[in-house]
Amino acid sequence: MDLREKLRSGLVIPAHPLALNSKRKLDEHRQRALTRYYLASGAGGIAVAVHTTQFTIRDPKIALLEPVLSLAAEECRGRDVVKIAGVCGKSRQATAEAQLAAILGYDAVLLSLADLKQESIPQLIEHARSIAAIIPVVGFYLQAAVGGRVLPYEFWRQFLEIENVVAIKVAPFNRYHTVEVVRALAQSGRSGEVALYTGNDDNILNDLLTEFNFGAGSIRIAGGLLGHWAVWTKMAVLHLGLAKSQSEQIPCELLTLAQQITDANAAIFDPAHGFRGCIPGIHEVLRRLGLLEGCWCLDPDEELSPGQSQEIDRVCKSYPHLQDDAFVQEHLDEWLR
């Protein structure tokens, strides 16, 4: 399958975290182990240098953008997986990052517009066109709570006119905004070419189960590109499979499962404190699995929020069926070799 067909088939794409040691330096050994975990779990792709990887990797004093992209690309060599690199910043930075991704063999870039908050819609579209001239583009609706901006229906209709757009990650954590993106694709005439991916970590399974219809045929969200899927990834593959297998009748059990996933995500992503503990929460679950040594971030002030560890304890105890601890323990030594 070509890139468009792979994306439209529906994939689990974890947003790749950053493995650090106690000195907050790259732990290459565990960084590779994370990628191996995702591939062994059945993920159809990985997304690197995205929000979950920490945008600070681009700081010249830290200079981890190319190393983390290279490590993931090396681990994926010879594997039939979609490699997506995060691209952010204004024109000069975004162009350089897109070129780097292309050189390293990435299939597409996830284009963040978070740094273009004052630009008009025509300016945003021109920016996206310039990146799409370098490498296929996955659009990104990032929630405002972590730095995104409101992107109206008119933006998405114009964005979908860019030929080299292959998918859109819908992650505004807002049902109205999510529906606008789906409607834009449904009415663009390109639903057979451009895939939709949920990034709504607060509503994962409901997004995947919903058949949207705006009066002229139905459209589905194909898969997910999610920070939440950076943990318990093998179960995420199972959940996507369950969603794909549903047709007319959605069992009540799946709606209950959707609620449980959202509850687990609340503990990990820390909406109670404005998502401040989101990345440390992901790290903490991976630490408990043995994949990370600690939950350190590049910013020493970025750590678990008060009570967050206890909330993670609660959901781990309540929902053992959401976790793949046994699978990880069976293969951990192999991935850490």
C-alpha atoms as a PDB file:
ATOM      1  CA  MET A   1       0.000   0.000   0.000  1.00  0.00           C
ATOM      2  CA  ASP A   2       1.101   3.558  -0.598  1.00  0.00           C
ATOM      3  CA  LEU A   3       1.122   6.151   2.187  1.00  0.00           C
ATOM      4  CA  ARG A   4      -2.462   7.307   1.636  1.00  0.00           C
ATOM      5  CA  GLU A   5      -3.795   3.751   1.609  1.00  0.00           C
ATOM      6  CA  LYS A   6      -1.915   2.862   4.794  1.00  0.00           C
ATOM      7  CA  LEU A   7      -3.268   5.888   6.626  1.00  0.00           C
ATOM      8  CA  ARG A   8      -6.812   5.345   5.401  1.00  0.00           C
ATOM      9  CA  SER A   9      -6.679   1.691   6.490  1.00  0.00           C
ATOM     10  CA  GLY A  10      -6.549   2.927  10.110  1.00  0.00           C
ATOM     11  CA  LEU A  11      -3.406   2.693  12.215  1.00  0.00           C
ATOM     12  CA  VAL A  12      -2.347   2.903  15.825  1.00  0.00           C
ATOM     13  CA  ILE A  13       0.315   5.639  15.872  1.00  0.00           C
ATOM     14  CA  PRO A  14       1.817   6.323  19.307  1.00  0.00           C
ATOM     15  CA  ALA A  15       3.216   9.785  19.953  1.00  0.00           C
ATOM     16  CA  HIS A  16       6.767   8.864  20.957  1.00  0.00           C
ATOM     17  CA  PRO A  17       8.043  10.033  24.374  1.00  0.00           C
ATOM     18  CA  LEU A  18      11.614  11.061  25.187  1.00  0.00           C
ATOM     19  CA  ALA A  19      13.665   8.714  27.379  1.00  0.00           C
ATOM     20  CA  LEU A  20      15.949  10.613  29.737  1.00  0.00           C
ATOM     21  CA  ASN A  21      18.328   9.522  32.477  1.00  0.00           C
ATOM     22  CA  SER A  22      18.542  11.084  35.955  1.00  0.00           C
ATOM     23  CA  LYS A  23      20.820  13.822  34.564  1.00  0.00           C
ATOM     24  CA  ARG A  24      18.087  14.708  32.029  1.00  0.00           C
ATOM     25  CA  LYS A  25      20.229  13.518  29.141  1.00  0.00           C
ATOM     26  CA  LEU A  26      19.026  11.280  26.323  1.00  0.00           C
ATOM     27  CA  ASP A  27      18.926   7.620  27.338  1.00  0.00           C
ATOM     28  CA  GLU A  28      19.531   6.137  23.895  1.00  0.00           C
ATOM     29  CA  HIS A  29      19.150   2.576  25.172  1.00  0.00           C
ATOM     30  CA  ARG A  30      15.644   3.166  26.505  1.00  0.00           C
ATOM     31  CA  GLN A  31      14.695   5.456  23.628  1.00  0.00           C
ATOM     32  CA  ARG A  32      15.257   2.507  21.296  1.00  0.00           C
ATOM     33  CA  ALA A  33      13.402   0.195  23.689  1.00  0.00           C
ATOM     34  CA  LEU A  34      10.306   2.392  23.488  1.00  0.00           C
ATOM     35  CA  THR A  35      10.277   2.199  19.689  1.00  0.00           C
ATOM     36  CA  ARG A  36      10.735  -1.575  19.856  1.00  0.00           C
ATOM     37  CA  TYR A  37       7.798  -1.803  22.264  1.00  0.00           C
ATOM     38  CA  TYR A  38       5.519   0.105  19.902  1.00  0.00           C
ATOM     39  CA  LEU A  39       6.515  -1.987  16.898  1.00  0.00           C
ATOM     40  CA  ALA A  40       6.141  -5.265  18.809  1.00  0.00           C
ATOM     41  CA  SER A  41       2.694  -4.143  20.005  1.00  0.00           C
ATOM     42  CA  GLY A  42       1.483  -3.899  16.420  1.00  0.00           C
ATOM     43  CA  ALA A  43       1.538  -0.130  15.964  1.00  0.00           C
ATOM     44  CA  GLY A  44       1.233   0.797  12.311  1.00  0.00           C
ATOM     45  CA  GLY A  45       3.304   3.939  12.704  1.00  0.00           C
ATOM     46  CA  ILE A  46       5.134   6.217  15.108  1.00  0.00           C
ATOM     47  CA  ALA A  47       5.135   9.984  15.537  1.00  0.00           C
ATOM     48  CA  VAL A  48       8.398  11.506  16.766  1.00  0.00           C
ATOM     49  CA  ALA A  49       9.385  15.067  17.746  1.00  0.00           C
ATOM     50  CA  VAL A  50       5.769  15.847  18.589  1.00  0.00           C
ATOM     51  CA  HIS A  51       4.286  17.297  21.801  1.00  0.00           C
ATOM     52  CA  THR A  52       4.807  14.040  23.721  1.00  0.00           C
ATOM     53  CA  THR A  53       8.487  14.032  22.702  1.00  0.00           C
ATOM     54  CA  GLN A  54       8.777  17.525  24.253  1.00  0.00           C
ATOM     55  CA  PHE A  55       9.115  20.543  21.966  1.00  0.00           C
ATOM     56  CA  THR A  56      12.198  21.613  23.956  1.00  0.00           C
ATOM     57  CA  ILE A  57      14.300  19.066  22.042  1.00  0.00           C
ATOM     58  CA  ARG A  58      14.630  21.862  19.468  1.00  0.00           C
ATOM     59  CA  ASP A  59      16.450  24.197  21.859  1.00  0.00           C
ATOM     60  CA  PRO A  60      19.989  24.630  20.440  1.00  0.00           C
ATOM     61  CA  LYS A  61      21.401  24.033  23.924  1.00  0.00           C
ATOM     62  CA  ILE A  62      19.673  20.640  24.016  1.00  0.00           C
ATOM     63  CA  ALA A  63      19.900  19.732  20.300  1.00  0.00           C
ATOM     64  CA  LEU A  64      17.991  16.459  20.436  1.00  0.00           C
ATOM     65  CA  LEU A  65      15.736  16.868  17.379  1.00  0.00           C
ATOM     66  CA  GLU A  66      17.964  15.043  14.916  1.00  0.00           C
ATOM     67  CA  PRO A  67      19.139  12.356  17.402  1.00  0.00           C
ATOM     68  CA  VAL A  68      15.618  11.259  18.388  1.00  0.00           C
ATOM     69  CA  LEU A  69      14.402  11.302  14.790  1.00  0.00           C
ATOM     70  CA  SER A  70      17.416   9.259  13.723  1.00  0.00           C
ATOM     71  CA  LEU A  71      17.056   6.673  16.490  1.00  0.00           C
ATOM     72  CA  ALA A  72      13.421   5.992  15.661  1.00  0.00           C
ATOM     73  CA  ALA A  73      14.149   5.814  11.933  1.00  0.00           C
ATOM     74  CA  GLU A  74      16.910   3.286  12.573  1.00  0.00           C
ATOM     75  CA  GLU A  75      14.636   1.061  14.655  1.00  0.00           C
ATOM     76  CA  CYS A  76      11.950   1.199  11.955  1.00  0.00           C
ATOM     77  CA  ARG A  77      14.331   0.311   9.137  1.00  0.00           C
ATOM     78  CA  GLY A  78      12.965  -2.618   7.159  1.00  0.00           C
ATOM     79  CA  ARG A  79       9.580  -2.416   8.899  1.00  0.00           C
ATOM     80  CA  ASP A  80       6.369  -1.527   7.093  1.00  0.00           C
ATOM     81  CA  VAL A  81       5.392   1.326   9.409  1.00  0.00           C
ATOM     82  CA  VAL A  82       4.489   4.948   8.749  1.00  0.00           C
ATOM     83  CA  LYS A  83       7.072   7.333  10.185  1.00  0.00           C
ATOM     84  CA  ILE A  84       5.774  10.818  11.018  1.00  0.00           C
ATOM     85  CA  ALA A  85       7.973  13.661  12.262  1.00  0.00           C
ATOM     86  CA  GLY A  86       6.654  16.664  14.121  1.00  0.00           C
ATOM     87  CA  VAL A  87       7.313  20.036  12.501  1.00  0.00           C
ATOM     88  CA  CYS A  88       6.702  23.352  14.231  1.00  0.00           C
ATOM     89  CA  GLY A  89       7.810  26.970  14.232  1.00  0.00           C
ATOM     90  CA  LYS A  90       7.563  29.693  11.643  1.00  0.00           C
ATOM     91  CA  SER A  91       8.679  29.385   8.033  1.00  0.00           C
ATOM     92  CA  ARG A  92      12.444  29.098   8.429  1.00  0.00           C
ATOM     93  CA  GLN A  93      12.318  26.607  11.295  1.00  0.00           C
ATOM     94  CA  ALA A  94       9.469  24.549   9.851  1.00  0.00           C
ATOM     95  CA  THR A  95      11.146  24.317   6.452  1.00  0.00           C
ATOM     96  CA  ALA A  96      14.416  23.126   7.998  1.00  0.00           C
ATOM     97  CA  GLU A  97      12.599  20.538  10.111  1.00  0.00           C
ATOM     98  CA  ALA A  98      10.609  19.257   7.124  1.00  0.00           C
ATOM     99  CA  GLN A  99      13.794  18.935   5.082  1.00  0.00           C
ATOM    100  CA  LEU A 100      15.479  17.034   7.911  1.00  0.00           C
ATOM    101  CA  ALA A 101      12.527  14.638   8.157  1.00  0.00           C
ATOM    102  CA  ALA A 102      12.678  13.998   4.426  1.00  0.00           C
ATOM    103  CA  ILE A 103      16.426  13.344   4.542  1.00  0.00           C
ATOM    104  CA  LEU A 104      15.995  10.871   7.405  1.00  0.00           C
ATOM    105  CA  GLY A 105      13.370   8.920   5.469  1.00  0.00           C
ATOM    106  CA  TYR A 106      10.205   9.988   7.241  1.00  0.00           C
ATOM    107  CA  ASP A 107       6.981   9.482   5.310  1.00  0.00           C
ATOM    108  CA  ALA A 108       5.171  12.626   6.432  1.00  0.00           C
ATOM    109  CA  VAL A 109       5.239  15.476   8.924  1.00  0.00           C
ATOM    110  CA  LEU A 110       2.698  16.490  11.552  1.00  0.00           C
ATOM    111  CA  LEU A 111       2.461  20.238  11.024  1.00  0.00           C
ATOM    112  CA  SER A 112       1.874  22.295  14.161  1.00  0.00           C
ATOM    113  CA  LEU A 113       0.628  25.858  13.719  1.00  0.00           C
ATOM    114  CA  ALA A 114       0.952  26.716  17.411  1.00  0.00           C
ATOM    115  CA  ASP A 115       3.694  29.284  16.759  1.00  0.00           C
ATOM    116  CA  LEU A 116       1.594  31.098  14.129  1.00  0.00           C
ATOM    117  CA  LYS A 117      -1.072  32.501  16.404  1.00  0.00           C
ATOM    118  CA  GLN A 118      -1.327  35.931  14.758  1.00  0.00           C
ATOM    119  CA  GLU A 119      -1.223  34.834  11.130  1.00  0.00           C
ATOM    120  CA  SER A 120      -4.332  35.046   8.955  1.00  0.00           C
ATOM    121  CA  ILE A 121      -5.939  32.007   7.348  1.00  0.00           C
ATOM    122  CA  PRO A 122      -4.320  32.782   3.941  1.00  0.00           C
ATOM    123  CA  GLN A 123      -0.927  33.014   5.658  1.00  0.00           C
ATOM    124  CA  LEU A 124      -1.480  29.696   7.433  1.00  0.00           C
ATOM    125  CA  ILE A 125      -2.466  28.054   4.159  1.00  0.00           C
ATOM    126  CA  GLU A 126       0.605  29.418   2.399  1.00  0.00           C
ATOM    127  CA  HIS A 127       2.780  28.134   5.238  1.00  0.00           C
ATOM    128  CA  ALA A 128       1.226  24.668   4.919  1.00  0.00           C
ATOM    129  CA  ARG A 129       1.679  24.705   1.132  1.00  0.00           C
ATOM    130  CA  SER A 130       5.377  25.471   1.488  1.00  0.00           C
ATOM    131  CA  ILE A 131       5.887  22.478   3.792  1.00  0.00           C
ATOM    132  CA  ALA A 132       3.757  20.213   1.599  1.00  0.00           C
ATOM    133  CA  ALA A 133       6.082  21.049  -1.283  1.00  0.00           C
ATOM    134  CA  ILE A 134       8.845  19.265   0.669  1.00  0.00           C
ATOM    135  CA  ILE A 135       7.084  16.248   2.206  1.00  0.00           C
ATOM    136  CA  PRO A 136       3.529  14.924   2.692  1.00  0.00           C
ATOM    137  CA  VAL A 137       1.680  16.758   5.457  1.00  0.00           C
ATOM    138  CA  VAL A 138      -0.594  15.619   8.270  1.00  0.00           C
ATOM    139  CA  GLY A 139      -2.653  18.543   9.525  1.00  0.00           C
ATOM    140  CA  PHE A 140      -2.836  19.101  13.257  1.00  0.00           C
ATOM    141  CA  TYR A 141      -5.632  20.681  15.289  1.00  0.00           C
ATOM    142  CA  LEU A 142      -3.853  21.117  18.642  1.00  0.00           C
ATOM    143  CA  GLN A 143      -5.938  21.893  21.711  1.00  0.00           C
ATOM    144  CA  ALA A 144      -5.649  25.423  23.080  1.00  0.00           C
ATOM    145  CA  ALA A 145      -4.771  24.213  26.604  1.00  0.00           C
ATOM    146  CA  VAL A 146      -1.327  23.117  25.409  1.00  0.00           C
ATOM    147  CA  GLY A 147      -0.634  25.940  22.966  1.00  0.00           C
ATOM    148  CA  GLY A 148      -2.946  25.460  19.989  1.00  0.00           C
ATOM    149  CA  ARG A 149      -5.229  28.011  18.348  1.00  0.00           C
ATOM    150  CA  VAL A 150      -8.791  27.858  17.068  1.00  0.00           C
ATOM    151  CA  LEU A 151      -8.822  26.804  13.403  1.00  0.00           C
ATOM    152  CA  PRO A 152     -12.265  27.363  11.857  1.00  0.00           C
ATOM    153  CA  TYR A 153     -14.102  25.346   9.236  1.00  0.00           C
ATOM    154  CA  GLU A 154     -12.935  27.761   6.503  1.00  0.00           C
ATOM    155  CA  PHE A 155      -9.306  26.999   7.308  1.00  0.00           C
ATOM    156  CA  TRP A 156      -9.801  23.255   7.028  1.00  0.00           C
ATOM    157  CA  ARG A 157     -11.670  23.521   3.718  1.00  0.00           C
ATOM    158  CA  GLN A 158      -8.796  25.506   2.235  1.00  0.00           C
ATOM    159  CA  PHE A 159      -6.195  23.268   3.881  1.00  0.00           C
ATOM    160  CA  LEU A 160      -7.798  20.235   2.237  1.00  0.00           C
ATOM    161  CA  GLU A 161      -7.219  21.776  -1.173  1.00  0.00           C
ATOM    162  CA  ILE A 162      -3.460  21.245  -0.721  1.00  0.00           C
ATOM    163  CA  GLU A 163      -2.619  18.205  -2.837  1.00  0.00           C
ATOM    164  CA  ASN A 164       0.084  16.765  -0.573  1.00  0.00           C
ATOM    165  CA  VAL A 165      -2.099  16.692   2.543  1.00  0.00           C
ATOM    166  CA  VAL A 166      -2.492  13.015   3.436  1.00  0.00           C
ATOM    167  CA  ALA A 167      -4.243  13.113   6.828  1.00  0.00           C
ATOM    168  CA  ILE A 168      -5.450  15.345   9.657  1.00  0.00           C
ATOM    169  CA  LYS A 169      -4.921  14.717  13.360  1.00  0.00           C
ATOM    170  CA  VAL A 170      -8.011  16.097  15.086  1.00  0.00           C
ATOM    171  CA  ALA A 171      -7.019  17.020  18.644  1.00  0.00           C
ATOM    172  CA  PRO A 172      -8.877  20.123  19.849  1.00  0.00           C
ATOM    173  CA  PHE A 173     -10.422  18.212  22.807  1.00  0.00           C
ATOM    174  CA  ASN A 174     -13.671  19.920  21.754  1.00  0.00           C
ATOM    175  CA  ARG A 175     -16.613  18.179  20.086  1.00  0.00           C
ATOM    176  CA  TYR A 176     -17.750  21.239  18.121  1.00  0.00           C
ATOM    177  CA  HIS A 177     -14.291  21.769  16.644  1.00  0.00           C
ATOM    178  CA  THR A 178     -13.865  18.063  15.947  1.00  0.00           C
ATOM    179  CA  VAL A 179     -17.136  17.946  14.020  1.00  0.00           C
ATOM    180  CA  GLU A 180     -16.068  20.995  11.974  1.00  0.00           C
ATOM    181  CA  VAL A 181     -12.934  19.215  10.768  1.00  0.00           C
ATOM    182  CA  VAL A 182     -14.851  16.069   9.850  1.00  0.00           C
ATOM    183  CA  ARG A 183     -17.467  18.155   8.042  1.00  0.00           C
ATOM    184  CA  ALA A 184     -14.761  20.004   6.137  1.00  0.00           C
ATOM    185  CA  LEU A 185     -13.351  16.714   4.877  1.00  0.00           C
ATOM    186  CA  ALA A 186     -16.794  15.279   4.101  1.00  0.00           C
ATOM    187  CA  GLN A 187     -17.661  18.344   2.016  1.00  0.00           C
ATOM    188  CA  SER A 188     -14.244  18.708   0.359  1.00  0.00           C
ATOM    189  CA  GLY A 189     -14.645  15.751  -1.957  1.00  0.00           C
ATOM    190  CA  ARG A 190     -11.340  14.300  -0.689  1.00  0.00           C
ATOM    191  CA  SER A 191     -12.553  11.774   1.880  1.00  0.00           C
ATOM    192  CA  GLY A 192     -11.243   9.022  -0.392  1.00  0.00           C
ATOM    193  CA  GLU A 193      -7.724  10.493  -0.238  1.00  0.00           C
ATOM    194  CA  VAL A 194      -7.257  12.120   3.169  1.00  0.00           C
ATOM    195  CA  ALA A 195      -7.485  10.128   6.404  1.00  0.00           C
ATOM    196  CA  LEU A 196      -8.753  11.459   9.724  1.00  0.00           C
ATOM    197  CA  TYR A 197      -6.929  10.514  12.919  1.00  0.00           C
ATOM    198  CA  THR A 198      -8.141  11.207  16.402  1.00  0.00           C
ATOM    199  CA  GLY A 199      -5.825  13.062  18.734  1.00  0.00           C
ATOM    200  CA  ASN A 200      -8.635  13.603  21.223  1.00  0.00           C
ATOM    201  CA  ASP A 201      -7.093  11.595  24.046  1.00  0.00           C
ATOM    202  CA  ASP A 202     -10.162  12.404  26.140  1.00  0.00           C
ATOM    203  CA  ASN A 203     -12.549  10.739  23.670  1.00  0.00           C
ATOM    204  CA  ILE A 204     -10.545   8.076  21.828  1.00  0.00           C
ATOM    205  CA  LEU A 205     -12.898   5.154  21.430  1.00  0.00           C
ATOM    206  CA  ASN A 206     -16.006   7.277  20.870  1.00  0.00           C
ATOM    207  CA  ASP A 207     -14.190   9.040  18.015  1.00  0.00           C
ATOM    208  CA  LEU A 208     -13.290   5.684  16.458  1.00  0.00           C
ATOM    209  CA  LEU A 209     -16.806   4.273  16.845  1.00  0.00           C
ATOM    210  CA  THR A 210     -18.688   7.278  15.447  1.00  0.00           C
ATOM    211  CA  GLU A 211     -20.017   7.259  11.902  1.00  0.00           C
ATOM    212  CA  PHE A 212     -20.367  10.919  10.920  1.00  0.00           C
ATOM    213  CA  ASN A 213     -22.973  11.909   8.359  1.00  0.00           C
ATOM    214  CA  PHE A 214     -23.698  15.453   7.156  1.00  0.00           C
ATOM    215  CA  GLY A 215     -26.430  14.514   4.713  1.00  0.00           C
ATOM    216  CA  ALA A 216     -24.325  13.185   1.861  1.00  0.00           C
ATOM    217  CA  GLY A 217     -22.803   9.882   2.962  1.00  0.00           C
ATOM    218  CA  SER A 218     -20.912   8.720   6.011  1.00  0.00           C
ATOM    219  CA  ILE A 219     -17.315   9.236   7.081  1.00  0.00           C
ATOM    220  CA  ARG A 220     -15.250   7.641   9.848  1.00  0.00           C
ATOM    221  CA  ILE A 221     -12.118   8.553  11.759  1.00  0.00           C
ATOM    222  CA  ALA A 222      -9.650   5.925  10.572  1.00  0.00           C
ATOM    223  CA  GLY A 223      -7.197   5.620  13.465  1.00  0.00           C
ATOM    224  CA  GLY A 224      -5.378   7.522  16.145  1.00  0.00           C
ATOM    225  CA  LEU A 225      -2.167   9.453  16.623  1.00  0.00           C
ATOM    226  CA  LEU A 226      -2.124   9.802  20.366  1.00  0.00           C
ATOM    227  CA  GLY A 227       0.013  10.461  23.396  1.00  0.00           C
ATOM    228  CA  HIS A 228      -2.294   8.126  25.322  1.00  0.00           C
ATOM    229  CA  TRP A 229      -1.283   5.317  22.972  1.00  0.00           C
ATOM    230  CA  ALA A 230       2.345   5.764  24.063  1.00  0.00           C
ATOM    231  CA  VAL A 231       1.319   3.527  26.995  1.00  0.00           C
ATOM    232  CA  TRP A 232      -0.552   0.207  26.910  1.00  0.00           C
ATOM    233  CA  THR A 233      -0.040   0.175  23.145  1.00  0.00           C
ATOM    234  CA  LYS A 234      -0.865  -3.469  22.531  1.00  0.00           C
ATOM    235  CA  MET A 235      -4.298  -2.902  24.060  1.00  0.00           C
ATOM    236  CA  ALA A 236      -4.711   0.193  21.864  1.00  0.00           C
ATOM    237  CA  VAL A 237      -4.235  -2.044  18.818  1.00  0.00           C
ATOM    238  CA  LEU A 238      -6.982  -4.308  20.148  1.00  0.00           C
ATOM    239  CA  HIS A 239      -9.295  -1.352  20.791  1.00  0.00           C
ATOM    240  CA  LEU A 240      -8.836   0.013  17.270  1.00  0.00           C
ATOM    241  CA  GLY A 241      -9.588  -3.442  15.903  1.00  0.00           C
ATOM    242  CA  LEU A 242     -12.790  -3.595  17.928  1.00  0.00           C
ATOM    243  CA  ALA A 243     -13.858  -0.189  16.604  1.00  0.00           C
ATOM    244  CA  LYS A 244     -13.173  -1.201  13.006  1.00  0.00           C
ATOM    245  CA  SER A 245     -15.222  -4.375  13.378  1.00  0.00           C
ATOM    246  CA  GLN A 246     -18.417  -2.546  14.358  1.00  0.00           C
ATOM    247  CA  SER A 247     -21.074  -1.821  11.754  1.00  0.00           C
ATOM    248  CA  GLU A 248     -24.625  -0.820  12.582  1.00  0.00           C
ATOM    249  CA  GLN A 249     -24.966  -1.779  16.247  1.00  0.00           C
ATOM    250  CA  ILE A 250     -22.464  -0.563  18.854  1.00  0.00           C
ATOM    251  CA  PRO A 251     -22.480  -2.832  21.944  1.00  0.00           C
ATOM    252  CA  CYS A 252     -23.026  -1.027  25.227  1.00  0.00           C
ATOM    253  CA  GLU A 253     -19.870  -2.711  26.501  1.00  0.00           C
ATOM    254  CA  LEU A 254     -17.790  -0.677  24.048  1.00  0.00           C
ATOM    255  CA  LEU A 255     -19.328   2.564  25.275  1.00  0.00           C
ATOM    256  CA  THR A 256     -18.448   1.554  28.826  1.00  0.00           C
ATOM    257  CA  LEU A 257     -14.915   0.742  27.657  1.00  0.00           C
ATOM    258  CA  ALA A 258     -14.740   4.209  26.077  1.00  0.00           C
ATOM    259  CA  GLN A 259     -15.642   5.781  29.431  1.00  0.00           C
ATOM    260  CA  GLN A 260     -12.983   3.737  31.209  1.00  0.00           C
ATOM    261  CA  ILE A 261     -10.308   4.770  28.720  1.00  0.00           C
ATOM    262  CA  THR A 262     -11.247   8.417  29.220  1.00  0.00           C
ATOM    263  CA  ASP A 263     -11.083   8.008  33.005  1.00  0.00           C
ATOM    264  CA  ALA A 264      -7.632   6.442  32.714  1.00  0.00           C
ATOM    265  CA  ASN A 265      -6.557   9.255  30.434  1.00  0.00           C
ATOM    266  CA  ALA A 266      -7.670  11.843  32.982  1.00  0.00           C
ATOM    267  CA  ALA A 267      -5.251  10.351  35.504  1.00  0.00           C
ATOM    268  CA  ILE A 268      -2.378  10.242  33.023  1.00  0.00           C
ATOM    269  CA  PHE A 269      -2.957  13.556  31.232  1.00  0.00           C
ATOM    270  CA  ASP A 270      -3.836  15.610  34.315  1.00  0.00           C
ATOM    271  CA  PRO A 271      -6.675  17.862  33.070  1.00  0.00           C
ATOM    272  CA  ALA A 272      -7.357  18.643  36.744  1.00  0.00           C
ATOM    273  CA  HIS A 273      -4.249  20.834  36.654  1.00  0.00           C
ATOM    274  CA  GLY A 274      -4.536  22.158  33.102  1.00  0.00           C
ATOM    275  CA  PHE A 275      -2.606  19.189  31.645  1.00  0.00           C
ATOM    276  CA  ARG A 276       0.591  20.287  33.401  1.00  0.00           C
ATOM    277  CA  GLY A 277       1.353  16.692  34.334  1.00  0.00           C
ATOM    278  CA  CYS A 278       0.550  15.224  30.920  1.00  0.00           C
ATOM    279  CA  ILE A 279       4.050  14.237  29.790  1.00  0.00           C
ATOM    280  CA  PRO A 280       5.267  13.212  33.272  1.00  0.00           C
ATOM    281  CA  GLY A 281       2.083  11.124  33.569  1.00  0.00           C
ATOM    282  CA  ILE A 282       2.933   9.214  30.404  1.00  0.00           C
ATOM    283  CA  HIS A 283       6.486   8.774  31.691  1.00  0.00           C
ATOM    284  CA  GLU A 284       5.250   7.511  35.050  1.00  0.00           C
ATOM    285  CA  VAL A 285       3.201   4.725  33.460  1.00  0.00           C
ATOM    286  CA  LEU A 286       6.175   3.756  31.282  1.00  0.00           C
ATOM    287  CA  ARG A 287       8.393   3.803  34.375  1.00  0.00           C
ATOM    288  CA  ARG A 288       6.042   1.433  36.163  1.00  0.00           C
ATOM    289  CA  LEU A 289       6.221  -0.859  33.135  1.00  0.00           C
ATOM    290  CA  GLY A 290      10.027  -0.802  33.315  1.00  0.00           C
ATOM    291  CA  LEU A 291      10.489   0.899  29.969  1.00  0.00           C
ATOM    292  CA  LEU A 292      11.733   4.172  31.480  1.00  0.00           C
ATOM    293  CA  GLU A 293      14.062   4.598  34.428  1.00  0.00           C
ATOM    294  CA  GLY A 294      12.223   7.678  35.725  1.00  0.00           C
ATOM    295  CA  CYS A 295       9.617  10.251  34.717  1.00  0.00           C
ATOM    296  CA  TRP A 296      12.091  13.091  34.170  1.00  0.00           C
ATOM    297  CA  CYS A 297      11.430  15.822  31.588  1.00  0.00           C
ATOM    298  CA  LEU A 298      13.839  18.301  30.050  1.00  0.00           C
ATOM    299  CA  ASP A 299      12.259  21.031  32.148  1.00  0.00           C
ATOM    300  CA  PRO A 300      12.963  20.246  35.819  1.00  0.00           C
ATOM    301  CA  ASP A 301       9.722  21.997  36.775  1.00  0.00           C
ATOM    302  CA  GLU A 302       7.670  19.643  34.599  1.00  0.00           C
ATOM    303  CA  GLU A 303       6.707  16.862  36.984  1.00  0.00           C
ATOM    304  CA  LEU A 304       3.702  14.969  38.275  1.00  0.00           C
ATOM    305  CA  SER A 305       1.005  17.193  39.768  1.00  0.00           C
ATOM    306  CA  PRO A 306      -0.089  16.837  43.400  1.00  0.00           C
ATOM    307  CA  GLY A 307      -2.220  13.711  43.704  1.00  0.00           C
ATOM    308  CA  GLN A 308      -1.532  12.549  40.146  1.00  0.00           C
ATOM    309  CA  SER A 309       0.446   9.462  41.171  1.00  0.00           C
ATOM    310  CA  GLN A 310      -2.466   8.400  43.367  1.00  0.00           C
ATOM    311  CA  GLU A 311      -4.868   8.904  40.471  1.00  0.00           C
ATOM    312  CA  ILE A 312      -2.679   6.678  38.290  1.00  0.00           C
ATOM    313  CA  ASP A 313      -2.721   4.102  41.106  1.00  0.00           C
ATOM    314  CA  ARG A 314      -6.530   4.267  41.090  1.00  0.00           C
ATOM    315  CA  VAL A 315      -7.035   3.701  37.370  1.00  0.00           C
ATOM    316  CA  CYS A 316      -4.395   0.979  37.208  1.00  0.00           C
ATOM    317  CA  LYS A 317      -6.237  -0.863  39.974  1.00  0.00           C
ATOM    318  CA  SER A 318      -9.681  -0.240  38.463  1.00  0.00           C
ATOM    319  CA  TYR A 319      -8.903  -1.141  34.851  1.00  0.00           C
ATOM    320  CA  PRO A 320      -6.360  -3.964  34.547  1.00  0.00           C
ATOM    321  CA  HIS A 321      -7.949  -4.890  31.200  1.00  0.00           C
ATOM    322  CA  LEU A 322      -6.690  -1.607  29.692  1.00  0.00           C
ATOM    323  CA  GLN A 323      -3.061  -2.499  30.399  1.00  0.00           C
ATOM    324  CA  ASP A 324      -0.519  -4.772  28.745  1.00  0.00           C
ATOM    325  CA  ASP A 325       1.878  -5.231  31.651  1.00  0.00           C
ATOM    326  CA  ALA A 326       2.270  -8.988  31.116  1.00  0.00           C
ATOM    327  CA  PHE A 327       3.191  -8.476  27.464  1.00  0.00           C
ATOM    328  CA  VAL A 328       5.785  -5.854  28.392  1.00  0.00           C
ATOM    329  CA  GLN A 329       7.328  -8.002  31.122  1.00  0.00           C
ATOM    330  CA  GLU A 330       7.580 -10.943  28.728  1.00  0.00           C
ATOM    331  CA  HIS A 331       9.611  -8.919  26.207  1.00  0.00           C
ATOM    332  CA  LEU A 332      11.278  -6.169  28.254  1.00  0.00           C
ATOM    333  CA  ASP A 333      14.732  -7.757  28.381  1.00  0.00           C
ATOM    334  CA  GLU A 334      14.592  -8.279  24.627  1.00  0.00           C
ATOM    335  CA  TRP A 335      13.753  -4.614  23.976  1.00  0.00           C
ATOM    336  CA  LEU A 336      16.421  -3.389  26.412  1.00  0.00           C
ATOM    337  CA  ARG A 337      19.169  -5.547  24.926  1.00  0.00           C
END
